[in-house]
């Protein structure tokens, strides 16, 4: 018996539900029907989400396989896993009940989506900002009501993030709407901003004086939850023991390669050699200028070597990271795949804070040394995230186009793979330090792979995690600590390396099938034309693997 509804109808309905429920993510997907809304995280709303998701799970299960096309037979289990992953997050992981940062990220990202991107005229976006600001107190109240027993590290990060959000609303938003000249609208915005900032200040004080002293919960997911999260969100069902063994093997191999390159360049102890290399970096305030020049060189190299198609796009704007997002070293804000109007993308780099003492500024910039900055620009822009998104806009399947369904292992795996691929293709071949930068970035991601599993499935402490980043990935101590702390609230940051390894294996298997006809551009264009999906789907589409293949080995 055929299913009760066509699969495309289900996908449309489910996607509409997700866009309405998560309006911040809808904006990033390029859908603007709900741009005036903030998420509702009240407990009744959370319970409604659970009921709705359970209903979607039943509807999807009722769609008979006989009614599906070949592509839909792949997409149905992918969407089913997405539904289950969202239920798992709400009912088992319960970030909404544990993390103050979760709420700060939502409100700041939601506001930034209207401030950064010019989807609409300034006055229209200002009215959307006004609506969101008026809902900010409700979101903060939900955070107060929901979070009762958080991990102490989550409170610490939450305070830092909320302070960044406060500064963003006070200082950055007025500049974002500077061209608006409607005095009444500006007056309303000023009032709403003042009210929102007062709610933020009170919440920061509550976190610091009330919640922080009694925060005793563990941040650890536990082995079962972490494994389940990876299976549902990423399609990676390998046991954590095997994943950890792969991570440690690759970490050792990459360290050995790092030592070989050091031997060909500076010689001596790898840590000392890398320390000398890291001493060469942009001066304070110069990161943006240096990165802007890098993008021109990278785009020219990709075109010259014919590595991947370059769809036409608006120029990328390179700018300092907004305060609310300064926990990230670098980030790429690209208009979503459903965006219908041309819009600029923003490549953000976190320069030093001028209030920092000179020694802290120097430590921070050492991790933006020239070789590492090249790797970051490759990852974020050419041919990483930015170029990926240009291809994603061409994908027809909504299930493999929407960011609502995209596994991080593919999105970040592609960008991390590009760092290595560009070096393999001969970029800056005459400069061996660039290879050191690429390997150093690989070591950081491999350290994440190890630390994430050991933080959440074993008993590794944040302090021990910091030392692993410092000693095994050769990071400065401040940056190493930030990476270890991130692992407590972002346990799947291990998928950067997992995704890269799965992509390299797919490329090797594709090349073996192609024989002498292999073309790197054809591989890349074919891969990105399939959209964002778990690697088992890419293997099925490109290799016909009925058993999903061995994703990692």
Protein backbone atom coordinates (compact mmCIF):
# COMPACT_ATOMS: atom_id res chain seq x y z
CA UNK A 1 0.00 0.00 0.00
CA UNK A 2 1.36 3.40 -0.98
CA UNK A 3 2.03 6.11 1.59
CA UNK A 4 -0.54 8.66 2.61
CA UNK A 5 1.27 11.59 1.01
CA UNK A 6 3.96 12.30 -1.58
CA UNK A 7 7.44 12.60 -0.14
CA UNK A 8 8.08 16.11 -1.61
CA UNK A 9 4.89 17.31 0.09
CA UNK A 10 6.16 15.96 3.40
CA UNK A 11 9.56 17.65 2.95
CA UNK A 12 7.87 20.98 2.17
CA UNK A 13 5.64 20.69 5.23
CA UNK A 14 8.46 19.65 7.55
CA UNK A 15 10.76 22.37 6.25
CA UNK A 16 8.03 24.98 6.75
CA UNK A 17 7.62 23.79 10.34
CA UNK A 18 11.36 24.06 10.98
CA UNK A 19 11.57 27.53 9.46
CA UNK A 20 8.67 28.75 11.58
CA UNK A 21 9.97 27.11 14.75
CA UNK A 22 13.56 28.26 14.25
CA UNK A 23 13.26 31.67 12.55
CA UNK A 24 16.92 32.48 13.15
CA UNK A 25 17.96 29.42 11.17
CA UNK A 26 15.32 30.20 8.54
CA UNK A 27 17.03 33.52 7.86
CA UNK A 28 20.39 31.77 7.49
CA UNK A 29 18.70 29.32 5.10
CA UNK A 30 17.68 32.28 2.94
CA UNK A 31 13.98 32.16 3.94
CA UNK A 32 12.56 35.46 5.25
CA UNK A 33 8.95 34.69 6.11
CA UNK A 34 9.70 34.82 9.85
CA UNK A 35 12.39 37.48 10.02
CA UNK A 36 10.48 39.44 12.65
CA UNK A 37 10.39 36.56 15.15
CA UNK A 38 12.61 35.18 17.87
CA UNK A 39 12.40 31.54 18.87
CA UNK A 40 9.96 30.57 21.61
CA UNK A 41 11.73 28.39 24.16
CA UNK A 42 9.09 28.42 26.84
CA UNK A 43 8.40 24.99 28.27
CA UNK A 44 4.95 24.76 26.61
CA UNK A 45 6.59 25.62 23.26
CA UNK A 46 9.24 22.93 23.80
CA UNK A 47 6.51 20.41 24.55
CA UNK A 48 4.67 21.46 21.38
CA UNK A 49 7.85 20.92 19.38
CA UNK A 50 8.20 17.40 20.75
CA UNK A 51 4.60 16.58 19.84
CA UNK A 52 4.98 18.03 16.36
CA UNK A 53 8.24 16.20 15.69
CA UNK A 54 6.70 12.92 16.87
CA UNK A 55 3.86 13.53 14.42
CA UNK A 56 6.29 14.14 11.57
CA UNK A 57 8.11 10.91 12.46
CA UNK A 58 4.85 8.95 12.18
CA UNK A 59 3.90 10.63 8.89
CA UNK A 60 7.27 9.89 7.36
CA UNK A 61 7.15 6.26 8.46
CA UNK A 62 3.77 5.92 6.73
CA UNK A 63 5.20 6.85 3.32
CA UNK A 64 5.69 3.56 1.51
CA UNK A 65 9.01 2.90 -0.22
CA UNK A 66 7.23 1.86 -3.41
CA UNK A 67 6.02 5.44 -3.92
CA UNK A 68 9.52 6.92 -3.76
CA UNK A 69 11.96 7.73 -6.54
CA UNK A 70 15.52 6.48 -6.29
CA UNK A 71 16.77 9.76 -4.83
CA UNK A 72 13.84 9.93 -2.39
CA UNK A 73 14.68 6.46 -1.08
CA UNK A 74 18.01 7.89 0.02
CA UNK A 75 16.53 11.08 1.39
CA UNK A 76 13.78 9.45 3.45
CA UNK A 77 16.13 7.87 6.04
CA UNK A 78 18.18 11.08 6.07
CA UNK A 79 15.10 13.15 6.97
CA UNK A 80 13.95 10.49 9.45
CA UNK A 81 17.33 10.78 11.22
CA UNK A 82 16.92 14.57 11.27
CA UNK A 83 13.57 14.28 13.01
CA UNK A 84 14.95 11.82 15.53
CA UNK A 85 18.05 13.97 16.11
CA UNK A 86 15.84 16.94 17.00
CA UNK A 87 13.77 14.82 19.37
CA UNK A 88 16.96 13.45 20.92
CA UNK A 89 18.26 16.98 21.46
CA UNK A 90 15.04 18.18 23.09
CA UNK A 91 14.37 15.09 25.24
CA UNK A 92 17.82 13.65 26.04
CA UNK A 93 20.61 16.19 25.49
CA UNK A 94 18.39 19.09 26.66
CA UNK A 95 20.73 21.95 25.80
CA UNK A 96 17.76 24.29 26.33
CA UNK A 97 17.78 23.23 29.99
CA UNK A 98 21.57 23.36 30.53
CA UNK A 99 23.20 26.16 28.56
CA UNK A 100 22.82 29.95 29.02
CA UNK A 101 25.04 30.35 25.96
CA UNK A 102 22.37 28.66 23.86
CA UNK A 103 19.99 31.57 24.46
CA UNK A 104 22.66 34.24 23.98
CA UNK A 105 23.71 32.69 20.68
CA UNK A 106 20.14 32.60 19.40
CA UNK A 107 19.33 36.23 20.15
CA UNK A 108 22.66 37.57 18.89
CA UNK A 109 22.66 35.47 15.72
CA UNK A 110 19.04 36.41 15.08
CA UNK A 111 19.81 40.12 15.35
CA UNK A 112 23.03 39.76 13.37
CA UNK A 113 21.17 38.10 10.51
CA UNK A 114 19.24 41.32 9.98
CA UNK A 115 22.15 43.66 10.72
CA UNK A 116 24.78 41.94 8.58
CA UNK A 117 22.92 40.93 5.45
CA UNK A 118 21.11 43.42 3.20
CA UNK A 119 18.19 41.14 2.32
CA UNK A 120 15.80 44.06 2.38
CA UNK A 121 15.89 47.89 2.58
CA UNK A 122 17.36 49.30 5.79
CA UNK A 123 14.02 50.50 7.19
CA UNK A 124 12.41 47.12 6.65
CA UNK A 125 15.27 45.33 8.39
CA UNK A 126 15.14 47.92 11.18
CA UNK A 127 11.46 47.07 11.78
CA UNK A 128 12.39 43.39 11.99
CA UNK A 129 15.10 44.24 14.48
CA UNK A 130 12.55 46.24 16.49
CA UNK A 131 10.23 43.24 16.61
CA UNK A 132 13.03 40.91 17.70
CA UNK A 133 14.28 43.29 20.38
CA UNK A 134 10.77 43.49 21.84
CA UNK A 135 10.80 39.69 22.16
CA UNK A 136 14.25 39.51 23.77
CA UNK A 137 12.94 39.79 27.34
CA UNK A 138 10.63 36.82 26.69
CA UNK A 139 13.56 34.72 25.48
CA UNK A 140 15.64 35.68 28.53
CA UNK A 141 12.73 34.78 30.80
CA UNK A 142 12.59 31.35 29.15
CA UNK A 143 16.29 30.94 29.91
CA UNK A 144 15.67 31.83 33.58
CA UNK A 145 12.75 29.42 33.80
CA UNK A 146 14.44 26.52 32.02
CA UNK A 147 18.01 26.47 33.32
CA UNK A 148 18.18 25.25 36.90
CA UNK A 149 21.23 22.99 37.24
CA UNK A 150 23.82 23.79 34.55
CA UNK A 151 27.50 22.85 34.40
CA UNK A 152 29.70 25.63 35.79
CA UNK A 153 31.64 25.91 32.51
CA UNK A 154 28.35 26.55 30.70
CA UNK A 155 27.59 29.45 33.04
CA UNK A 156 31.06 30.90 32.47
CA UNK A 157 30.72 30.72 28.68
CA UNK A 158 27.13 31.96 28.91
CA UNK A 159 28.19 35.09 30.80
CA UNK A 160 30.92 35.82 28.26
CA UNK A 161 28.56 35.32 25.33
CA UNK A 162 25.76 37.36 26.88
CA UNK A 163 28.17 40.23 27.53
CA UNK A 164 29.12 40.10 23.86
CA UNK A 165 25.44 40.20 22.91
CA UNK A 166 24.90 43.20 25.15
CA UNK A 167 27.80 45.05 23.55
CA UNK A 168 26.56 44.09 20.09
CA UNK A 169 23.12 45.60 20.76
CA UNK A 170 24.54 48.73 22.37
CA UNK A 171 27.31 49.48 19.88
CA UNK A 172 26.96 47.52 16.64
CA UNK A 173 23.23 47.67 15.96
CA UNK A 174 23.08 51.50 15.87
CA UNK A 175 25.83 51.46 13.21
CA UNK A 176 23.97 48.79 11.24
CA UNK A 177 20.89 51.02 10.91
CA UNK A 178 22.74 54.33 10.54
CA UNK A 179 21.10 55.05 7.18
CA UNK A 180 17.56 54.86 8.61
CA UNK A 181 16.06 58.37 8.91
CA UNK A 182 12.56 57.58 10.22
CA UNK A 183 12.72 59.36 13.58
CA UNK A 184 9.77 57.51 15.08
CA UNK A 185 11.25 54.14 14.10
CA UNK A 186 14.63 55.15 15.52
CA UNK A 187 12.98 56.24 18.75
CA UNK A 188 11.14 52.93 19.04
CA UNK A 189 14.38 51.06 18.35
CA UNK A 190 16.20 53.02 21.04
CA UNK A 191 13.50 52.18 23.57
CA UNK A 192 13.39 48.50 22.59
CA UNK A 193 17.20 48.27 22.69
CA UNK A 194 17.26 49.81 26.16
CA UNK A 195 14.66 47.33 27.40
CA UNK A 196 16.49 44.37 25.84
CA UNK A 197 19.83 45.48 27.27
CA UNK A 198 18.29 45.83 30.71
CA UNK A 199 17.03 42.24 30.43
CA UNK A 200 20.51 41.11 29.36
CA UNK A 201 22.21 42.94 32.26
CA UNK A 202 19.85 41.48 34.82
CA UNK A 203 20.36 38.00 33.39
CA UNK A 204 24.16 38.40 33.43
CA UNK A 205 23.96 39.48 37.07
CA UNK A 206 21.68 36.53 37.87
CA UNK A 207 24.08 34.12 36.18
CA UNK A 208 27.09 35.56 37.99
CA UNK A 209 25.72 36.03 41.50
CA UNK A 210 22.97 33.41 41.75
CA UNK A 211 23.40 30.57 39.26
CA UNK A 212 27.20 30.34 39.08
CA UNK A 213 27.72 29.54 42.81
CA UNK A 214 25.31 26.61 42.66
CA UNK A 215 26.20 25.26 39.20
CA UNK A 216 27.27 21.67 39.86
CA UNK A 217 26.07 19.57 36.91
CA UNK A 218 28.46 17.66 34.66
CA UNK A 219 28.95 18.81 31.08
CA UNK A 220 29.64 15.23 29.92
CA UNK A 221 27.16 13.66 27.52
CA UNK A 222 28.36 10.14 28.25
CA UNK A 223 29.38 7.50 25.75
CA UNK A 224 25.86 6.46 24.76
CA UNK A 225 24.54 9.95 24.10
CA UNK A 226 27.61 11.05 22.16
CA UNK A 227 27.47 7.96 19.97
CA UNK A 228 23.75 8.45 19.39
CA UNK A 229 24.27 12.10 18.51
CA UNK A 230 26.90 11.21 15.91
CA UNK A 231 24.68 8.54 14.39
CA UNK A 232 21.59 10.71 14.09
CA UNK A 233 23.20 14.03 13.14
CA UNK A 234 26.12 12.84 11.03
CA UNK A 235 25.31 9.32 9.86
CA UNK A 236 28.49 8.10 11.59
CA UNK A 237 27.73 4.89 13.47
CA UNK A 238 31.26 3.67 14.16
CA UNK A 239 31.83 2.94 17.84
CA UNK A 240 33.60 5.61 19.87
CA UNK A 241 36.49 3.26 20.62
CA UNK A 242 37.19 2.85 16.91
CA UNK A 243 36.73 6.58 16.27
CA UNK A 244 39.20 7.40 19.03
CA UNK A 245 41.71 4.88 17.65
CA UNK A 246 41.42 6.51 14.20
CA UNK A 247 41.85 9.97 15.73
CA UNK A 248 44.95 8.98 17.70
CA UNK A 249 46.44 7.20 14.68
CA UNK A 250 45.93 10.24 12.46
CA UNK A 251 47.21 12.59 15.15
CA UNK A 252 50.45 10.62 15.41
CA UNK A 253 50.83 10.45 11.62
CA UNK A 254 50.21 14.17 11.19
CA UNK A 255 52.70 15.01 13.95
CA UNK A 256 55.28 12.86 12.14
CA UNK A 257 54.62 14.67 8.87
CA UNK A 258 54.87 17.99 10.71
CA UNK A 259 58.30 16.95 12.01
CA UNK A 260 59.42 15.95 8.49
CA UNK A 261 58.44 19.34 7.07
CA UNK A 262 60.19 21.09 9.96
CA UNK A 263 63.29 19.08 9.15
CA UNK A 264 63.23 20.35 5.56
CA UNK A 265 62.77 23.95 6.62
CA UNK A 266 63.95 25.17 10.01
CA UNK A 267 65.17 21.93 11.48
CA UNK A 268 65.38 21.19 15.19
CA UNK A 269 62.59 20.62 17.67
CA UNK A 270 59.11 20.82 16.05
CA UNK A 271 57.67 22.95 18.83
CA UNK A 272 60.56 25.40 18.71
CA UNK A 273 60.47 25.53 14.90
CA UNK A 274 56.75 26.17 14.87
CA UNK A 275 57.19 28.79 17.57
CA UNK A 276 59.62 30.64 15.33
CA UNK A 277 57.21 30.43 12.41
CA UNK A 278 54.35 31.72 14.55
CA UNK A 279 56.36 34.83 15.39
CA UNK A 280 55.64 36.05 11.83
CA UNK A 281 52.10 37.36 11.82
CA UNK A 282 50.10 40.47 10.94
CA UNK A 283 50.35 43.38 13.33
CA UNK A 284 47.36 44.32 15.52
CA UNK A 285 44.62 45.72 13.32
CA UNK A 286 46.08 44.25 10.09
CA UNK A 287 44.31 40.89 9.93
CA UNK A 288 41.52 42.12 7.68
CA UNK A 289 43.85 43.75 5.15
CA UNK A 290 46.11 40.72 4.91
CA UNK A 291 43.21 38.28 4.53
CA UNK A 292 41.60 40.42 1.82
CA UNK A 293 44.73 40.06 -0.32
CA UNK A 294 44.84 36.33 0.35
CA UNK A 295 41.36 35.86 -1.08
CA UNK A 296 42.38 37.39 -4.40
CA UNK A 297 45.35 35.03 -4.67
CA UNK A 298 43.31 31.98 -3.69
CA UNK A 299 40.50 32.64 -6.18
CA UNK A 300 43.06 33.12 -8.95
CA UNK A 301 44.78 29.82 -8.10
CA UNK A 302 41.51 27.84 -8.06
CA UNK A 303 40.63 29.23 -11.50
CA UNK A 304 44.11 28.75 -12.96
CA UNK A 305 44.35 25.10 -11.85
CA UNK A 306 40.70 24.40 -12.74
CA UNK A 307 40.09 22.78 -9.35
CA UNK A 308 36.38 23.52 -9.09
CA UNK A 309 33.78 25.63 -10.88
CA UNK A 310 33.51 29.24 -9.71
CA UNK A 311 29.88 30.37 -9.94
CA UNK A 312 29.39 34.16 -10.18
CA UNK A 313 28.90 35.79 -6.78
CA UNK A 314 29.05 39.08 -4.93
CA UNK A 315 32.53 39.95 -3.56
CA UNK A 316 33.29 38.66 -0.07
CA UNK A 317 33.60 41.34 2.61
CA UNK A 318 36.42 40.75 5.10
CA UNK A 319 35.76 42.38 8.50
CA UNK A 320 36.53 42.14 12.24
CA UNK A 321 34.43 39.61 14.17
CA UNK A 322 31.43 41.15 15.99
CA UNK A 323 31.85 41.07 19.76
CA UNK A 324 29.11 38.52 20.36
CA UNK A 325 30.96 35.96 18.25
CA UNK A 326 34.52 36.56 19.44
CA UNK A 327 34.77 33.06 20.92
CA UNK A 328 35.32 31.97 17.29
CA UNK A 329 38.73 32.71 15.73
CA UNK A 330 37.23 33.06 12.26
CA UNK A 331 33.83 32.54 10.65
CA UNK A 332 32.07 32.80 7.32
CA UNK A 333 28.59 34.35 7.08
CA UNK A 334 27.18 33.50 3.66
CA UNK A 335 23.64 34.20 2.39
CA UNK A 336 21.58 31.01 2.55
CA UNK A 337 20.93 28.60 -0.32
CA UNK A 338 17.29 29.70 -0.78
CA UNK A 339 18.24 33.39 -1.03
CA UNK A 340 16.72 34.88 -4.19
CA UNK A 341 18.52 38.23 -4.25
CA UNK A 342 22.26 38.86 -4.64
CA UNK A 343 23.81 39.56 -1.25
CA UNK A 344 27.30 39.92 0.13
CA UNK A 345 29.01 37.32 2.29
CA UNK A 346 31.17 38.26 5.29
CA UNK A 347 34.45 36.67 6.33
CA UNK A 348 35.08 37.57 9.98
CA UNK A 349 38.45 37.45 11.72
CA UNK A 350 38.92 37.97 15.45
CA UNK A 351 41.68 40.55 15.83
CA UNK A 352 43.13 41.55 19.19
CA UNK A 353 41.20 43.63 21.68
CA UNK A 354 43.05 46.92 22.07
CA UNK A 355 42.43 46.78 25.83
CA UNK A 356 44.51 43.59 26.13
CA UNK A 357 48.06 43.90 27.46
CA UNK A 358 50.81 43.54 24.80
CA UNK A 359 51.73 39.99 25.81
CA UNK A 360 48.15 38.77 25.37
CA UNK A 361 47.87 40.52 22.00
CA UNK A 362 51.06 38.82 20.86
CA UNK A 363 49.85 35.40 22.06
CA UNK A 364 46.58 35.82 20.19
CA UNK A 365 48.20 36.90 16.93
CA UNK A 366 50.71 34.07 17.03
CA UNK A 367 47.81 31.74 16.19
CA UNK A 368 47.11 34.00 13.19
CA UNK A 369 50.62 33.57 11.82
CA UNK A 370 50.83 33.86 8.04
CA UNK A 371 50.82 30.10 7.21
CA UNK A 372 47.84 29.48 9.52
CA UNK A 373 45.97 32.50 8.17
CA UNK A 374 46.33 31.07 4.67
CA UNK A 375 44.77 27.81 5.88
CA UNK A 376 41.92 29.71 7.57
CA UNK A 377 41.17 31.72 4.41
CA UNK A 378 41.14 28.54 2.35
CA UNK A 379 38.77 26.92 4.87
CA UNK A 380 36.35 29.80 5.17
CA UNK A 381 36.30 31.23 1.65
CA UNK A 382 38.21 29.78 -1.34
CA UNK A 383 37.47 27.02 -1.98
CA UNK A 384 35.88 26.25 1.42
CA UNK A 385 32.59 27.42 2.90
CA UNK A 386 31.91 30.39 0.63
CA UNK A 387 32.44 28.48 -2.61
CA UNK A 388 30.51 25.51 -1.23
CA UNK A 389 27.48 27.73 -0.66
CA UNK A 390 27.64 29.07 -4.21
CA UNK A 391 27.32 25.49 -5.48
CA UNK A 392 24.62 24.69 -2.93
CA UNK A 393 22.32 27.32 -4.44
CA UNK A 394 22.25 25.27 -7.64
CA UNK A 395 21.00 22.07 -5.95
CA UNK A 396 17.37 21.25 -6.80
CA UNK A 397 16.50 18.79 -4.02
CA UNK A 398 15.21 20.72 -1.00
CA UNK A 399 16.24 17.85 1.28
CA UNK A 400 19.86 18.22 0.16
CA UNK A 401 19.79 22.00 -0.25
CA UNK A 402 18.45 23.26 3.08
CA UNK A 403 20.90 23.93 5.90
CA UNK A 404 18.24 22.55 8.23
CA UNK A 405 19.25 19.04 7.12
CA UNK A 406 22.96 19.49 6.46
CA UNK A 407 25.37 17.35 8.51
CA UNK A 408 28.28 19.28 9.98
CA UNK A 409 30.63 16.47 8.95
CA UNK A 410 30.01 17.33 5.30
CA UNK A 411 29.96 21.13 5.62
CA UNK A 412 33.06 21.36 7.81
CA UNK A 413 34.63 18.24 6.31
CA UNK A 414 34.62 19.91 2.88
CA UNK A 415 36.23 23.10 4.19
CA UNK A 416 38.88 21.22 6.17
CA UNK A 417 39.59 18.96 3.19
CA UNK A 418 40.16 22.05 1.04
CA UNK A 419 43.09 23.11 3.24
CA UNK A 420 44.94 19.91 2.36
CA UNK A 421 43.71 19.75 -1.23
CA UNK A 422 45.05 23.23 -2.08
CA UNK A 423 48.52 22.32 -0.79
CA UNK A 424 48.41 19.04 -2.73
CA UNK A 425 47.46 21.02 -5.86
CA UNK A 426 50.62 23.09 -5.50
CA UNK A 427 49.45 26.32 -3.92
CA UNK A 428 52.50 28.30 -2.74
CA UNK A 429 54.64 25.22 -3.37
CA UNK A 430 57.79 27.28 -2.97
CA UNK A 431 56.88 28.17 0.64
CA UNK A 432 57.16 25.14 2.92
CA UNK A 433 55.84 27.15 5.86
CA UNK A 434 52.39 27.06 4.21
CA UNK A 435 52.48 23.28 4.51
CA UNK A 436 53.31 23.75 8.20
CA UNK A 437 50.25 26.00 8.58
CA UNK A 438 48.01 23.40 6.94
CA UNK A 439 49.41 20.65 9.14
CA UNK A 440 49.07 22.81 12.24
CA UNK A 441 45.39 23.36 11.49
CA UNK A 442 45.00 19.61 10.92
CA UNK A 443 46.60 18.98 14.32
CA UNK A 444 44.09 21.31 16.01
CA UNK A 445 41.16 19.46 14.40
CA UNK A 446 42.67 16.09 15.31
CA UNK A 447 43.12 17.26 18.89
CA UNK A 448 39.42 18.18 18.84
CA UNK A 449 38.65 14.65 17.66
CA UNK A 450 40.51 13.15 20.62
CA UNK A 451 39.43 15.70 23.23
CA UNK A 452 35.73 15.59 22.33
CA UNK A 453 35.52 11.83 22.81
CA UNK A 454 37.62 11.82 25.97
CA UNK A 455 35.76 14.80 27.49
CA UNK A 456 32.33 13.29 26.97
CA UNK A 457 32.87 9.53 27.02
CA UNK A 458 35.79 9.32 29.46
CA UNK A 459 36.96 11.48 32.37
CA UNK A 460 39.26 13.99 30.68
CA UNK A 461 39.17 17.39 32.40
CA UNK A 462 39.15 20.75 30.64
CA UNK A 463 42.62 21.41 32.03
CA UNK A 464 43.90 18.13 30.60
CA UNK A 465 42.21 18.98 27.31
CA UNK A 466 43.98 22.33 27.27
CA UNK A 467 47.33 20.62 27.75
CA UNK A 468 46.57 18.20 24.91
CA UNK A 469 45.87 21.09 22.52
CA UNK A 470 48.96 22.93 23.75
CA UNK A 471 51.37 20.01 23.69
CA UNK A 472 50.02 17.88 20.83
CA UNK A 473 48.73 20.61 18.48
CA UNK A 474 51.34 23.23 19.43
CA UNK A 475 48.80 25.93 20.34
CA UNK A 476 49.34 28.92 22.59
CA UNK A 477 47.92 28.26 26.05
CA UNK A 478 45.10 30.81 25.83
CA UNK A 479 43.90 29.44 22.49
CA UNK A 480 44.34 25.86 23.74
CA UNK A 481 42.13 26.59 26.73
CA UNK A 482 39.47 28.15 24.51
CA UNK A 483 39.48 25.02 22.31
CA UNK A 484 39.15 22.71 25.31
CA UNK A 485 36.31 24.77 26.75
CA UNK A 486 34.52 24.69 23.40
CA UNK A 487 34.61 20.91 23.52
CA UNK A 488 32.35 20.94 26.59
CA UNK A 489 29.45 22.58 24.75
CA UNK A 490 30.27 21.57 21.14
CA UNK A 491 31.10 17.86 21.41
CA UNK A 492 30.63 17.19 17.70
CA UNK A 493 33.45 19.54 16.73
CA UNK A 494 35.27 16.28 16.20
CA UNK A 495 33.49 15.96 12.83
CA UNK A 496 35.83 18.42 11.10
CA UNK A 497 38.43 15.67 10.86
CA UNK A 498 35.93 12.83 10.52
CA UNK A 499 34.34 14.59 7.56
CA UNK A 500 37.69 15.29 5.93
CA UNK A 501 38.73 11.64 6.27
CA UNK A 502 35.43 10.42 4.83
CA UNK A 503 35.81 12.82 1.91
CA UNK A 504 39.37 11.70 1.21
CA UNK A 505 38.24 8.07 1.19
CA UNK A 506 35.37 8.91 -1.16
CA UNK A 507 37.82 10.69 -3.47
CA UNK A 508 40.22 7.75 -3.46
CA UNK A 509 37.42 5.28 -4.23
CA UNK A 510 36.00 7.55 -6.99
CA UNK A 511 39.48 7.92 -8.50
CA UNK A 512 39.96 4.14 -8.52
CA UNK A 513 36.65 3.77 -10.38
CA UNK A 514 37.57 6.48 -12.90
CA UNK A 515 41.02 5.15 -13.65
CA UNK A 516 42.91 7.42 -16.05
CA UNK A 517 39.80 9.57 -16.59
CA UNK A 518 39.93 11.08 -13.09
CA UNK A 519 39.45 14.84 -12.95
CA UNK A 520 39.68 16.75 -9.66
CA UNK A 521 37.29 19.40 -10.94
CA UNK A 522 34.76 16.76 -12.03
CA UNK A 523 34.98 15.08 -8.62
CA UNK A 524 34.46 18.36 -6.75
CA UNK A 525 31.64 19.58 -8.99
CA UNK A 526 29.85 16.22 -8.84
CA UNK A 527 30.20 16.05 -5.07
CA UNK A 528 28.87 19.57 -4.44
CA UNK A 529 26.08 19.14 -7.00
CA UNK A 530 24.71 16.37 -4.75
CA UNK A 531 24.07 18.93 -2.01
CA UNK A 532 24.71 18.55 1.71
CA UNK A 533 24.02 15.03 2.93
CA UNK A 534 25.65 12.36 5.09
CA UNK A 535 28.61 10.73 3.40
CA UNK A 536 26.80 7.44 3.03
CA UNK A 537 24.41 9.19 0.62
CA UNK A 538 27.29 10.69 -1.37
CA UNK A 539 28.84 7.25 -1.63
CA UNK A 540 25.57 5.78 -2.84
CA UNK A 541 25.10 8.54 -5.43
CA UNK A 542 28.68 8.53 -6.69
CA UNK A 543 29.75 4.90 -6.19
CA UNK A 544 26.52 2.92 -5.87
CA UNK A 545 27.55 1.53 -2.47
CA UNK A 546 24.54 -0.47 -1.29
CA UNK A 547 26.07 -1.16 2.11
CA UNK A 548 26.99 2.51 2.75
CA UNK A 549 30.64 1.54 2.34
CA UNK A 550 33.29 1.86 5.02
CA UNK A 551 33.06 5.59 5.70
CA UNK A 552 36.20 5.72 7.83
CA UNK A 553 39.12 3.34 7.96
